[in-house]
């Protein structure tokens, strides 16, 4: 309770109107928004993309080798 004996009542906010369904205008506006956002994206250069892909592939090969070696060791241990 607030000072002085006053009480505060909270009324819930009115619910947002649910979309009434699909409309060509809404879909067109959505696609325009997507196009605008795609233009704002900072795309990597070809060199950056190649470097990142190389890192992923090397990491994948190393983990596959590690798991293969671990599997072989555990197979011999639990036979």
PDB file of N, CA and C in Angstrom:
ATOM      1  N   UNK A   1       0.831  -1.179   0.000  1.00  0.00           N
ATOM      2  CA  UNK A   1       0.000   0.000   0.000  1.00  0.00           C
ATOM      3  C   UNK A   1       0.872   1.237   0.000  1.00  0.00           C
ATOM      4  N   UNK A   2       0.392   2.240  -0.657  1.00  0.00           N
ATOM      5  CA  UNK A   2       1.110   3.498  -0.685  1.00  0.00           C
ATOM      6  C   UNK A   2       0.880   4.233   0.626  1.00  0.00           C
ATOM      7  N   UNK A   3       1.700   5.232   0.897  1.00  0.00           N
ATOM      8  CA  UNK A   3       1.546   5.980   2.139  1.00  0.00           C
ATOM      9  C   UNK A   3       0.220   6.732   2.119  1.00  0.00           C
ATOM     10  N   UNK A   4      -0.401   6.888   3.267  1.00  0.00           N
ATOM     11  CA  UNK A   4      -1.673   7.591   3.354  1.00  0.00           C
ATOM     12  C   UNK A   4      -2.857   6.674   3.144  1.00  0.00           C
ATOM     13  N   UNK A   5      -2.631   5.379   3.014  1.00  0.00           N
ATOM     14  CA  UNK A   5      -3.728   4.441   2.884  1.00  0.00           C
ATOM     15  C   UNK A   5      -4.301   4.326   1.481  1.00  0.00           C
ATOM     16  N   UNK A   6      -3.722   4.995   0.503  1.00  0.00           N
ATOM     17  CA  UNK A   6      -4.242   4.916  -0.870  1.00  0.00           C
ATOM     18  C   UNK A   6      -3.797   3.610  -1.511  1.00  0.00           C
ATOM     19  N   UNK A   7      -4.653   3.069  -2.308  1.00  0.00           N
ATOM     20  CA  UNK A   7      -4.301   1.840  -3.021  1.00  0.00           C
ATOM     21  C   UNK A   7      -4.164   2.138  -4.504  1.00  0.00           C
ATOM     22  N   UNK A   8      -3.358   1.347  -5.152  1.00  0.00           N
ATOM     23  CA  UNK A   8      -3.136   1.516  -6.586  1.00  0.00           C
ATOM     24  C   UNK A   8      -3.688   0.303  -7.301  1.00  0.00           C
ATOM     25  N   UNK A   9      -4.486   0.540  -8.300  1.00  0.00           N
ATOM     26  CA  UNK A   9      -4.995  -0.577  -9.093  1.00  0.00           C
ATOM     27  C   UNK A   9      -4.332  -0.539 -10.454  1.00  0.00           C
ATOM     28  N   UNK A  10      -4.010  -1.704 -10.939  1.00  0.00           N
ATOM     29  CA  UNK A  10      -3.358  -1.825 -12.238  1.00  0.00           C
ATOM     30  C   UNK A  10      -4.349  -2.453 -13.195  1.00  0.00           C
ATOM     31  N   UNK A  11      -4.568  -1.779 -14.299  1.00  0.00           N
ATOM     32  CA  UNK A  11      -5.463  -2.349 -15.311  1.00  0.00           C
ATOM     33  C   UNK A  11      -4.618  -2.951 -16.414  1.00  0.00           C
ATOM     34  N   UNK A  12      -4.974  -4.137 -16.873  1.00  0.00           N
ATOM     35  CA  UNK A  12      -4.181  -4.767 -17.931  1.00  0.00           C
ATOM     36  C   UNK A  12      -4.292  -3.989 -19.234  1.00  0.00           C
ATOM     37  N   UNK A  13      -3.197  -4.013 -19.982  1.00  0.00           N
ATOM     38  CA  UNK A  13      -3.181  -3.339 -21.282  1.00  0.00           C
ATOM     39  C   UNK A  13      -4.076  -4.098 -22.247  1.00  0.00           C
ATOM     40  N   UNK A  14      -4.722  -3.383 -23.149  1.00  0.00           N
ATOM     41  CA  UNK A  14      -5.559  -4.083 -24.130  1.00  0.00           C
ATOM     42  C   UNK A  14      -4.691  -4.971 -25.010  1.00  0.00           C
ATOM     43  N   UNK A  15      -5.219  -6.129 -25.344  1.00  0.00           N
ATOM     44  CA  UNK A  15      -4.456  -7.066 -26.161  1.00  0.00           C
ATOM     45  C   UNK A  15      -4.329  -6.536 -27.581  1.00  0.00           C
ATOM     46  N   UNK A  16      -3.174  -6.810 -28.173  1.00  0.00           N
ATOM     47  CA  UNK A  16      -2.959  -6.400 -29.562  1.00  0.00           C
ATOM     48  C   UNK A  16      -3.856  -7.231 -30.465  1.00  0.00           C
ATOM     49  N   UNK A  17      -4.341  -6.601 -31.489  1.00  0.00           N
ATOM     50  CA  UNK A  17      -5.213  -7.304 -32.428  1.00  0.00           C
ATOM     51  C   UNK A  17      -4.409  -8.361 -33.166  1.00  0.00           C
ATOM     52  N   UNK A  18      -4.939  -9.542 -33.221  1.00  0.00           N
ATOM     53  CA  UNK A  18      -4.275 -10.629 -33.940  1.00  0.00           C
ATOM     54  C   UNK A  18      -4.377 -10.369 -35.436  1.00  0.00           C
ATOM     55  N   UNK A  19      -3.348 -10.753 -36.194  1.00  0.00           N
ATOM     56  CA  UNK A  19      -3.431 -10.558 -37.636  1.00  0.00           C
ATOM     57  C   UNK A  19      -4.615 -11.332 -38.201  1.00  0.00           C
ATOM     58  N   UNK A  20      -5.296 -10.696 -39.133  1.00  0.00           N
ATOM     59  CA  UNK A  20      -6.515 -11.306 -39.666  1.00  0.00           C
ATOM     60  C   UNK A  20      -6.229 -12.361 -40.715  1.00  0.00           C
ATOM     61  N   UNK A  21      -4.976 -12.566 -41.042  1.00  0.00           N
ATOM     62  CA  UNK A  21      -4.646 -13.582 -42.036  1.00  0.00           C
ATOM     63  C   UNK A  21      -3.694 -13.035 -43.079  1.00  0.00           C
ATOM     64  N   UNK A  22      -3.506 -13.800 -44.113  1.00  0.00           N
ATOM     65  CA  UNK A  22      -2.576 -13.448 -45.166  1.00  0.00           C
ATOM     66  C   UNK A  22      -3.193 -12.415 -46.089  1.00  0.00           C
ATOM     67  N   UNK A  23      -2.372 -11.448 -46.498  1.00  0.00           N
ATOM     68  CA  UNK A  23      -2.819 -10.491 -47.513  1.00  0.00           C
ATOM     69  C   UNK A  23      -1.631 -10.166 -48.406  1.00  0.00           C
ATOM     70  N   UNK A  24      -1.878  -9.918 -49.684  1.00  0.00           N
ATOM     71  CA  UNK A  24      -0.774  -9.591 -50.594  1.00  0.00           C
ATOM     72  C   UNK A  24      -0.010  -8.343 -50.164  1.00  0.00           C
ATOM     73  N   UNK A  25      -0.705  -7.361 -49.615  1.00  0.00           N
ATOM     74  CA  UNK A  25      -0.033  -6.128 -49.193  1.00  0.00           C
ATOM     75  C   UNK A  25       0.912  -6.399 -48.026  1.00  0.00           C
ATOM     76  N   UNK A  26       0.469  -7.218 -47.074  1.00  0.00           N
ATOM     77  CA  UNK A  26       1.324  -7.536 -45.929  1.00  0.00           C
ATOM     78  C   UNK A  26       2.537  -8.343 -46.370  1.00  0.00           C
ATOM     79  N   UNK A  27       2.337  -9.274 -47.281  1.00  0.00           N
ATOM     80  CA  UNK A  27       3.448 -10.081 -47.777  1.00  0.00           C
ATOM     81  C   UNK A  27       4.437  -9.214 -48.542  1.00  0.00           C
ATOM     82  N   UNK A  28       3.938  -8.289 -49.334  1.00  0.00           N
ATOM     83  CA  UNK A  28       4.802  -7.378 -50.084  1.00  0.00           C
ATOM     84  C   UNK A  28       5.615  -6.502 -49.131  1.00  0.00           C
ATOM     85  N   UNK A  29       4.973  -6.011 -48.087  1.00  0.00           N
ATOM     86  CA  UNK A  29       5.680  -5.189 -47.100  1.00  0.00           C
ATOM     87  C   UNK A  29       6.754  -6.011 -46.395  1.00  0.00           C
ATOM     88  N   UNK A  30       6.446  -7.265 -46.112  1.00  0.00           N
ATOM     89  CA  UNK A  30       7.424  -8.153 -45.483  1.00  0.00           C
ATOM     90  C   UNK A  30       8.637  -8.330 -46.388  1.00  0.00           C
ATOM     91  N   UNK A  31       8.404  -8.596 -47.666  1.00  0.00           N
ATOM     92  CA  UNK A  31       9.513  -8.791 -48.601  1.00  0.00           C
ATOM     93  C   UNK A  31      10.343  -7.523 -48.764  1.00  0.00           C
ATOM     94  N   UNK A  32       9.697  -6.370 -48.747  1.00  0.00           N
ATOM     95  CA  UNK A  32      10.440  -5.114 -48.826  1.00  0.00           C
ATOM     96  C   UNK A  32      11.325  -4.943 -47.593  1.00  0.00           C
ATOM     97  N   UNK A  33      10.814  -5.323 -46.430  1.00  0.00           N
ATOM     98  CA  UNK A  33      11.607  -5.262 -45.207  1.00  0.00           C
ATOM     99  C   UNK A  33      12.793  -6.207 -45.252  1.00  0.00           C
ATOM    100  N   UNK A  34      12.574  -7.402 -45.797  1.00  0.00           N
ATOM    101  CA  UNK A  34      13.668  -8.370 -45.931  1.00  0.00           C
ATOM    102  C   UNK A  34      14.744  -7.813 -46.848  1.00  0.00           C
ATOM    103  N   UNK A  35      14.335  -7.242 -47.967  1.00  0.00           N
ATOM    104  CA  UNK A  35      15.295  -6.676 -48.926  1.00  0.00           C
ATOM    105  C   UNK A  35      16.101  -5.549 -48.275  1.00  0.00           C
ATOM    106  N   UNK A  36      15.430  -4.720 -47.495  1.00  0.00           N
ATOM    107  CA  UNK A  36      16.106  -3.619 -46.808  1.00  0.00           C
ATOM    108  C   UNK A  36      17.128  -4.153 -45.803  1.00  0.00           C
ATOM    109  N   UNK A  37      16.751  -5.150 -45.016  1.00  0.00           N
ATOM    110  CA  UNK A  37      17.663  -5.722 -44.031  1.00  0.00           C
ATOM    111  C   UNK A  37      18.840  -6.430 -44.694  1.00  0.00           C
ATOM    112  N   UNK A  38      18.599  -7.110 -45.802  1.00  0.00           N
ATOM    113  CA  UNK A  38      19.689  -7.793 -46.501  1.00  0.00           C
ATOM    114  C   UNK A  38      20.718  -6.784 -47.013  1.00  0.00           C
ATOM    115  N   UNK A  39      20.277  -5.594 -47.349  1.00  0.00           N
ATOM    116  CA  UNK A  39      21.195  -4.553 -47.777  1.00  0.00           C
ATOM    117  C   UNK A  39      22.041  -4.010 -46.637  1.00  0.00           C
ATOM    118  N   UNK A  40      21.559  -4.140 -45.413  1.00  0.00           N
ATOM    119  CA  UNK A  40      22.288  -3.643 -44.242  1.00  0.00           C
ATOM    120  C   UNK A  40      23.314  -4.640 -43.718  1.00  0.00           C
ATOM    121  N   UNK A  41      23.247  -5.865 -44.177  1.00  0.00           N
ATOM    122  CA  UNK A  41      24.142  -6.911 -43.681  1.00  0.00           C
ATOM    123  C   UNK A  41      25.568  -6.634 -44.132  1.00  0.00           C
ATOM    124  N   UNK A  42      26.506  -6.839 -43.231  1.00  0.00           N
ATOM    125  CA  UNK A  42      27.921  -6.694 -43.562  1.00  0.00           C
ATOM    126  C   UNK A  42      28.430  -8.054 -44.026  1.00  0.00           C
ATOM    127  N   UNK A  43      28.455  -8.272 -45.322  1.00  0.00           N
ATOM    128  CA  UNK A  43      28.841  -9.555 -45.887  1.00  0.00           C
ATOM    129  C   UNK A  43      30.355  -9.690 -45.895  1.00  0.00           C
ATOM    130  N   UNK A  44      30.885 -10.890 -45.631  1.00  0.00           N
ATOM    131  CA  UNK A  44      32.338 -11.079 -45.667  1.00  0.00           C
ATOM    132  C   UNK A  44      32.852 -11.054 -47.101  1.00  0.00           C
ATOM    133  N   UNK A  45      34.118 -10.677 -47.235  1.00  0.00           N
ATOM    134  CA  UNK A  45      34.738 -10.717 -48.559  1.00  0.00           C
ATOM    135  C   UNK A  45      35.026 -12.174 -48.911  1.00  0.00           C
ATOM    136  N   UNK A  46      35.371 -12.419 -50.153  1.00  0.00           N
ATOM    137  CA  UNK A  46      35.673 -13.786 -50.590  1.00  0.00           C
ATOM    138  C   UNK A  46      36.867 -14.343 -49.818  1.00  0.00           C
ATOM    139  N   UNK A  47      37.844 -13.493 -49.555  1.00  0.00           N
ATOM    140  CA  UNK A  47      39.035 -13.934 -48.818  1.00  0.00           C
ATOM    141  C   UNK A  47      38.678 -14.305 -47.371  1.00  0.00           C
ATOM    142  N   UNK A  48      37.844 -13.477 -46.722  1.00  0.00           N
ATOM    143  CA  UNK A  48      37.417 -13.772 -45.354  1.00  0.00           C
ATOM    144  C   UNK A  48      36.595 -15.058 -45.297  1.00  0.00           C
ATOM    145  N   UNK A  49      35.739 -15.245 -46.279  1.00  0.00           N
ATOM    146  CA  UNK A  49      34.915 -16.450 -46.330  1.00  0.00           C
ATOM    147  C   UNK A  49      35.771 -17.696 -46.517  1.00  0.00           C
ATOM    148  N   UNK A  50      36.774 -17.595 -47.380  1.00  0.00           N
ATOM    149  CA  UNK A  50      37.670 -18.729 -47.609  1.00  0.00           C
ATOM    150  C   UNK A  50      38.460 -19.049 -46.336  1.00  0.00           C
ATOM    151  N   UNK A  51      38.924 -18.027 -45.640  1.00  0.00           N
ATOM    152  CA  UNK A  51      39.688 -18.245 -44.406  1.00  0.00           C
ATOM    153  C   UNK A  51      38.815 -18.899 -43.337  1.00  0.00           C
ATOM    154  N   UNK A  52      37.590 -18.431 -43.188  1.00  0.00           N
ATOM    155  CA  UNK A  52      36.692 -19.011 -42.192  1.00  0.00           C
ATOM    156  C   UNK A  52      36.345 -20.454 -42.543  1.00  0.00           C
ATOM    157  N   UNK A  53      36.135 -20.727 -43.824  1.00  0.00           N
ATOM    158  CA  UNK A  53      35.830 -22.090 -44.261  1.00  0.00           C
ATOM    159  C   UNK A  53      37.005 -23.014 -43.992  1.00  0.00           C
ATOM    160  N   UNK A  54      38.214 -22.527 -44.226  1.00  0.00           N
ATOM    161  CA  UNK A  54      39.414 -23.330 -43.963  1.00  0.00           C
ATOM    162  C   UNK A  54      39.526 -23.661 -42.479  1.00  0.00           C
ATOM    163  N   UNK A  55      39.266 -22.687 -41.625  1.00  0.00           N
ATOM    164  CA  UNK A  55      39.318 -22.922 -40.180  1.00  0.00           C
ATOM    165  C   UNK A  55      38.298 -23.982 -39.780  1.00  0.00           C
ATOM    166  N   UNK A  56      37.101 -23.893 -40.314  1.00  0.00           N
ATOM    167  CA  UNK A  56      36.056 -24.868 -39.983  1.00  0.00           C
ATOM    168  C   UNK A  56      36.454 -26.260 -40.451  1.00  0.00           C
ATOM    169  N   UNK A  57      36.966 -26.377 -41.663  1.00  0.00           N
ATOM    170  CA  UNK A  57      37.336 -27.691 -42.198  1.00  0.00           C
ATOM    171  C   UNK A  57      38.489 -28.314 -41.405  1.00  0.00           C
ATOM    172  N   UNK A  58      39.505 -27.521 -41.070  1.00  0.00           N
ATOM    173  CA  UNK A  58      40.637 -28.042 -40.293  1.00  0.00           C
ATOM    174  C   UNK A  58      40.161 -28.483 -38.909  1.00  0.00           C
ATOM    175  N   UNK A  59      39.318 -27.678 -38.277  1.00  0.00           N
ATOM    176  CA  UNK A  59      38.780 -28.035 -36.968  1.00  0.00           C
ATOM    177  C   UNK A  59      37.971 -29.322 -37.052  1.00  0.00           C
ATOM    178  N   UNK A  60      37.167 -29.455 -38.083  1.00  0.00           N
ATOM    179  CA  UNK A  60      36.368 -30.665 -38.281  1.00  0.00           C
ATOM    180  C   UNK A  60      37.252 -31.899 -38.428  1.00  0.00           C
ATOM    181  N   UNK A  61      38.308 -31.784 -39.219  1.00  0.00           N
ATOM    182  CA  UNK A  61      39.224 -32.912 -39.429  1.00  0.00           C
ATOM    183  C   UNK A  61      39.933 -33.282 -38.123  1.00  0.00           C
ATOM    184  N   UNK A  62      40.365 -32.277 -37.367  1.00  0.00           N
ATOM    185  CA  UNK A  62      41.040 -32.549 -36.095  1.00  0.00           C
ATOM    186  C   UNK A  62      40.109 -33.242 -35.099  1.00  0.00           C
ATOM    187  N   UNK A  63      38.888 -32.767 -34.973  1.00  0.00           N
ATOM    188  CA  UNK A  63      37.941 -33.402 -34.060  1.00  0.00           C
ATOM    189  C   UNK A  63      37.582 -34.806 -34.513  1.00  0.00           C
ATOM    190  N   UNK A  64      37.431 -35.007 -35.812  1.00  0.00           N
ATOM    191  CA  UNK A  64      37.128 -36.347 -36.320  1.00  0.00           C
ATOM    192  C   UNK A  64      38.278 -37.300 -36.012  1.00  0.00           C
ATOM    193  N   UNK A  65      39.507 -36.843 -36.197  1.00  0.00           N
ATOM    194  CA  UNK A  65      40.667 -37.666 -35.871  1.00  0.00           C
ATOM    195  C   UNK A  65      40.740 -37.978 -34.391  1.00  0.00           C
ATOM    196  N   UNK A  66      40.489 -36.981 -33.565  1.00  0.00           N
ATOM    197  CA  UNK A  66      40.506 -37.178 -32.116  1.00  0.00           C
ATOM    198  C   UNK A  66      39.451 -38.193 -31.693  1.00  0.00           C
ATOM    199  N   UNK A  67      38.232 -38.039 -32.195  1.00  0.00           N
ATOM    200  CA  UNK A  67      37.167 -38.968 -31.824  1.00  0.00           C
ATOM    201  C   UNK A  67      37.426 -40.367 -32.366  1.00  0.00           C
ATOM    202  N   UNK A  68      37.999 -40.468 -33.563  1.00  0.00           N
ATOM    203  CA  UNK A  68      38.343 -41.779 -34.109  1.00  0.00           C
ATOM    204  C   UNK A  68      39.397 -42.473 -33.270  1.00  0.00           C
ATOM    205  N   UNK A  69      40.409 -41.729 -32.864  1.00  0.00           N
ATOM    206  CA  UNK A  69      41.463 -42.284 -32.017  1.00  0.00           C
ATOM    207  C   UNK A  69      40.906 -42.697 -30.653  1.00  0.00           C
ATOM    208  N   UNK A  70      40.083 -41.852 -30.071  1.00  0.00           N
ATOM    209  CA  UNK A  70      39.462 -42.171 -28.788  1.00  0.00           C
ATOM    210  C   UNK A  70      38.587 -43.420 -28.905  1.00  0.00           C
ATOM    211  N   UNK A  71      37.849 -43.535 -29.990  1.00  0.00           N
ATOM    212  CA  UNK A  71      37.009 -44.706 -30.217  1.00  0.00           C
ATOM    213  C   UNK A  71      37.852 -45.974 -30.317  1.00  0.00           C
ATOM    214  N   UNK A  72      38.954 -45.894 -31.058  1.00  0.00           N
ATOM    215  CA  UNK A  72      39.825 -47.065 -31.213  1.00  0.00           C
ATOM    216  C   UNK A  72      40.430 -47.482 -29.872  1.00  0.00           C
ATOM    217  N   UNK A  73      40.848 -46.514 -29.079  1.00  0.00           N
ATOM    218  CA  UNK A  73      41.429 -46.818 -27.768  1.00  0.00           C
ATOM    219  C   UNK A  73      40.386 -47.447 -26.852  1.00  0.00           C
ATOM    220  N   UNK A  74      39.201 -46.880 -26.823  1.00  0.00           N
ATOM    221  CA  UNK A  74      38.162 -47.412 -25.942  1.00  0.00           C
ATOM    222  C   UNK A  74      37.687 -48.793 -26.388  1.00  0.00           C
ATOM    223  N   UNK A  75      37.691 -49.050 -27.691  1.00  0.00           N
ATOM    224  CA  UNK A  75      37.320 -50.388 -28.177  1.00  0.00           C
ATOM    225  C   UNK A  75      38.294 -51.436 -27.647  1.00  0.00           C
ATOM    226  N   UNK A  76      39.590 -51.116 -27.698  1.00  0.00           N
ATOM    227  CA  UNK A  76      40.597 -52.064 -27.215  1.00  0.00           C
ATOM    228  C   UNK A  76      40.500 -52.230 -25.701  1.00  0.00           C
ATOM    229  N   UNK A  77      40.189 -51.155 -25.006  1.00  0.00           N
ATOM    230  CA  UNK A  77      40.128 -51.191 -23.554  1.00  0.00           C
ATOM    231  C   UNK A  77      38.938 -52.007 -23.053  1.00  0.00           C
ATOM    232  N   UNK A  78      37.795 -51.912 -23.728  1.00  0.00           N
ATOM    233  CA  UNK A  78      36.579 -52.579 -23.265  1.00  0.00           C
ATOM    234  C   UNK A  78      36.310 -53.919 -23.937  1.00  0.00           C
ATOM    235  N   UNK A  79      37.231 -54.432 -24.699  1.00  0.00           N
ATOM    236  CA  UNK A  79      37.040 -55.745 -25.320  1.00  0.00           C
ATOM    237  C   UNK A  79      37.192 -56.838 -24.349  1.00  0.00           C
TER     238      UNK A  79
END
